N, C-alpha and C. Protein backbone atom coordinates (compact mmCIF):
# COMPACT_ATOMS: atom_id res chain seq x y z
N UNK A 1 -36.46 58.63 -61.82
CA UNK A 1 -37.03 58.66 -60.48
C UNK A 1 -38.51 58.32 -60.55
N UNK A 2 -38.96 57.50 -59.64
CA UNK A 2 -40.35 57.05 -59.62
C UNK A 2 -41.29 58.19 -59.27
N UNK A 3 -42.46 58.16 -59.89
CA UNK A 3 -43.50 59.14 -59.55
C UNK A 3 -44.17 58.72 -58.24
N UNK A 4 -44.78 59.66 -57.56
CA UNK A 4 -45.46 59.37 -56.30
C UNK A 4 -46.53 58.30 -56.49
N UNK A 5 -47.17 58.28 -57.65
CA UNK A 5 -48.21 57.29 -57.93
C UNK A 5 -47.66 55.88 -57.98
N UNK A 6 -46.35 55.75 -58.22
CA UNK A 6 -45.72 54.44 -58.33
C UNK A 6 -45.07 53.98 -57.03
N UNK A 7 -45.02 54.85 -56.05
CA UNK A 7 -44.44 54.52 -54.75
C UNK A 7 -45.57 54.21 -53.78
N UNK A 8 -45.41 53.17 -52.99
CA UNK A 8 -46.47 52.73 -52.09
C UNK A 8 -46.01 52.82 -50.65
N UNK A 9 -46.89 53.33 -49.79
CA UNK A 9 -46.59 53.48 -48.38
C UNK A 9 -47.39 52.45 -47.58
N UNK A 10 -46.72 51.81 -46.62
CA UNK A 10 -47.39 50.86 -45.76
C UNK A 10 -48.31 51.63 -44.81
N UNK A 11 -49.54 51.21 -44.72
CA UNK A 11 -50.51 51.94 -43.92
C UNK A 11 -50.76 51.31 -42.55
N UNK A 12 -49.80 50.59 -42.02
CA UNK A 12 -49.97 50.07 -40.67
C UNK A 12 -49.72 51.19 -39.67
N UNK A 13 -50.20 51.03 -38.48
CA UNK A 13 -50.13 52.08 -37.46
C UNK A 13 -48.69 52.47 -37.12
N UNK A 14 -47.81 51.49 -36.98
CA UNK A 14 -46.47 51.77 -36.49
C UNK A 14 -45.40 51.90 -37.57
N UNK A 15 -45.71 51.62 -38.80
CA UNK A 15 -44.65 51.44 -39.78
C UNK A 15 -44.33 52.68 -40.62
N UNK A 16 -45.10 52.93 -41.64
CA UNK A 16 -44.84 54.06 -42.54
C UNK A 16 -43.79 53.77 -43.60
N UNK A 17 -43.36 52.52 -43.76
CA UNK A 17 -42.38 52.15 -44.78
C UNK A 17 -42.90 52.52 -46.17
N UNK A 18 -42.04 53.06 -47.02
CA UNK A 18 -42.40 53.40 -48.39
C UNK A 18 -41.63 52.49 -49.34
N UNK A 19 -42.36 51.73 -50.17
CA UNK A 19 -41.71 50.92 -51.20
C UNK A 19 -41.41 51.82 -52.39
N UNK A 20 -40.14 51.93 -52.74
CA UNK A 20 -39.68 52.75 -53.85
C UNK A 20 -39.20 51.82 -54.96
N UNK A 21 -39.90 51.80 -56.10
CA UNK A 21 -39.49 50.91 -57.18
C UNK A 21 -38.10 51.22 -57.72
N UNK A 22 -37.63 52.44 -57.55
CA UNK A 22 -36.27 52.78 -57.99
C UNK A 22 -35.21 52.06 -57.17
N UNK A 23 -35.56 51.68 -55.95
CA UNK A 23 -34.61 51.00 -55.06
C UNK A 23 -34.85 49.50 -54.96
N UNK A 24 -36.09 49.06 -55.13
CA UNK A 24 -36.41 47.64 -54.96
C UNK A 24 -36.33 47.27 -53.48
N UNK A 25 -36.02 46.03 -53.21
CA UNK A 25 -35.91 45.53 -51.83
C UNK A 25 -34.76 44.53 -51.80
N UNK A 26 -33.60 45.02 -51.46
CA UNK A 26 -32.40 44.17 -51.46
C UNK A 26 -32.52 43.00 -50.49
N UNK A 27 -33.18 43.20 -49.36
CA UNK A 27 -33.30 42.14 -48.35
C UNK A 27 -34.04 40.93 -48.90
N UNK A 28 -34.98 41.18 -49.79
CA UNK A 28 -35.77 40.08 -50.36
C UNK A 28 -35.44 39.83 -51.83
N UNK A 29 -34.29 40.36 -52.24
CA UNK A 29 -33.76 40.16 -53.60
C UNK A 29 -34.72 40.62 -54.69
N UNK A 30 -35.40 41.76 -54.45
CA UNK A 30 -36.25 42.40 -55.45
C UNK A 30 -35.40 43.47 -56.12
N UNK A 31 -35.12 43.34 -57.42
CA UNK A 31 -34.23 44.29 -58.08
C UNK A 31 -34.83 45.68 -58.23
N UNK A 32 -33.96 46.67 -58.29
CA UNK A 32 -34.39 48.04 -58.58
C UNK A 32 -35.14 48.05 -59.90
N UNK A 33 -36.16 48.86 -60.00
CA UNK A 33 -36.96 48.94 -61.21
C UNK A 33 -38.20 48.06 -61.18
N UNK A 34 -38.43 47.33 -60.08
CA UNK A 34 -39.60 46.46 -59.96
C UNK A 34 -40.78 47.28 -59.45
N UNK A 35 -41.82 47.36 -60.26
CA UNK A 35 -43.03 48.07 -59.86
C UNK A 35 -43.72 47.34 -58.72
N UNK A 36 -44.44 48.07 -57.88
CA UNK A 36 -45.15 47.45 -56.76
C UNK A 36 -46.08 46.34 -57.25
N UNK A 37 -46.78 46.60 -58.34
CA UNK A 37 -47.72 45.61 -58.89
C UNK A 37 -47.02 44.32 -59.31
N UNK A 38 -45.74 44.40 -59.60
CA UNK A 38 -44.97 43.24 -60.05
C UNK A 38 -44.30 42.48 -58.91
N UNK A 39 -44.46 42.95 -57.68
CA UNK A 39 -43.89 42.22 -56.54
C UNK A 39 -44.63 40.90 -56.37
N UNK A 40 -43.96 39.86 -55.90
CA UNK A 40 -44.65 38.59 -55.66
C UNK A 40 -45.80 38.77 -54.67
N UNK A 41 -46.84 37.97 -54.81
CA UNK A 41 -48.01 38.08 -53.93
C UNK A 41 -47.66 37.85 -52.47
N UNK A 42 -46.61 37.08 -52.21
CA UNK A 42 -46.22 36.81 -50.83
C UNK A 42 -45.18 37.78 -50.28
N UNK A 43 -44.88 38.85 -51.05
CA UNK A 43 -43.93 39.86 -50.57
C UNK A 43 -44.50 40.56 -49.34
N UNK A 44 -43.64 40.87 -48.41
CA UNK A 44 -44.06 41.53 -47.16
C UNK A 44 -43.19 42.75 -46.89
N UNK A 45 -43.74 43.69 -46.14
CA UNK A 45 -43.01 44.89 -45.73
C UNK A 45 -41.75 44.47 -44.98
N UNK A 46 -40.59 44.98 -45.38
CA UNK A 46 -39.36 44.61 -44.69
C UNK A 46 -39.26 45.17 -43.27
N UNK A 47 -40.08 46.16 -42.95
CA UNK A 47 -40.04 46.74 -41.61
C UNK A 47 -40.97 46.06 -40.62
N UNK A 48 -42.23 45.82 -41.05
CA UNK A 48 -43.22 45.30 -40.09
C UNK A 48 -43.82 43.96 -40.48
N UNK A 49 -43.56 43.49 -41.71
CA UNK A 49 -44.08 42.21 -42.14
C UNK A 49 -45.49 42.25 -42.72
N UNK A 50 -46.05 43.44 -42.91
CA UNK A 50 -47.41 43.55 -43.47
C UNK A 50 -47.42 43.11 -44.92
N UNK A 51 -48.54 42.52 -45.35
CA UNK A 51 -48.70 42.09 -46.73
C UNK A 51 -49.01 43.24 -47.66
N UNK A 52 -49.00 42.97 -48.96
CA UNK A 52 -49.21 43.99 -49.98
C UNK A 52 -50.56 44.70 -49.84
N UNK A 53 -51.56 44.03 -49.30
CA UNK A 53 -52.89 44.64 -49.19
C UNK A 53 -52.92 45.81 -48.22
N UNK A 54 -51.91 45.93 -47.37
CA UNK A 54 -51.87 47.04 -46.41
C UNK A 54 -51.08 48.23 -46.93
N UNK A 55 -50.74 48.23 -48.21
CA UNK A 55 -50.04 49.35 -48.82
C UNK A 55 -51.00 50.16 -49.68
N UNK A 56 -50.77 51.46 -49.75
CA UNK A 56 -51.54 52.37 -50.60
C UNK A 56 -50.55 53.27 -51.34
N UNK A 57 -50.88 53.70 -52.57
CA UNK A 57 -49.99 54.62 -53.27
C UNK A 57 -49.89 55.95 -52.53
N UNK A 58 -48.76 56.64 -52.70
CA UNK A 58 -48.58 57.94 -52.04
C UNK A 58 -49.46 59.01 -52.67
N UNK A 59 -49.80 58.86 -53.94
CA UNK A 59 -50.63 59.85 -54.63
C UNK A 59 -51.45 59.14 -55.70
N UNK A 60 -52.44 59.83 -56.24
CA UNK A 60 -53.23 59.27 -57.33
C UNK A 60 -54.36 58.39 -56.84
N UNK A 61 -54.97 57.67 -57.78
CA UNK A 61 -56.12 56.82 -57.49
C UNK A 61 -55.78 55.77 -56.44
N UNK A 62 -56.65 55.64 -55.44
CA UNK A 62 -56.45 54.65 -54.38
C UNK A 62 -55.57 55.11 -53.24
N UNK A 63 -55.00 56.31 -53.35
CA UNK A 63 -54.13 56.81 -52.28
C UNK A 63 -54.97 57.32 -51.12
N UNK A 64 -54.34 57.46 -50.00
CA UNK A 64 -55.02 57.99 -48.82
C UNK A 64 -55.48 59.42 -49.10
N UNK A 65 -54.66 60.20 -49.78
CA UNK A 65 -55.02 61.59 -50.11
C UNK A 65 -56.26 61.64 -50.99
N UNK A 66 -56.34 60.78 -52.00
CA UNK A 66 -57.50 60.76 -52.90
C UNK A 66 -58.76 60.33 -52.16
N UNK A 67 -58.64 59.41 -51.22
CA UNK A 67 -59.80 58.94 -50.47
C UNK A 67 -60.34 60.01 -49.53
N UNK A 68 -59.47 60.91 -49.06
CA UNK A 68 -59.89 61.97 -48.16
C UNK A 68 -60.52 63.14 -48.92
N UNK A 69 -60.15 63.26 -50.18
CA UNK A 69 -60.44 64.43 -50.87
C UNK A 69 -61.49 64.72 -51.73
């Protein structure tokens, strides 16, 4: 199971989609086990279409929690 530091949440206002490397992204043929950093640069959120730059880790360095804290 992926650690929170390895899971990324989309930070758009309406979305909240969480990319889970354990699941990948079947819609875009990203296999399970693919780390967020290894996603193609043109990968987009399957829910809202946001690019990778609008994602933040759920925990750890660079996360919203770390920035608040």
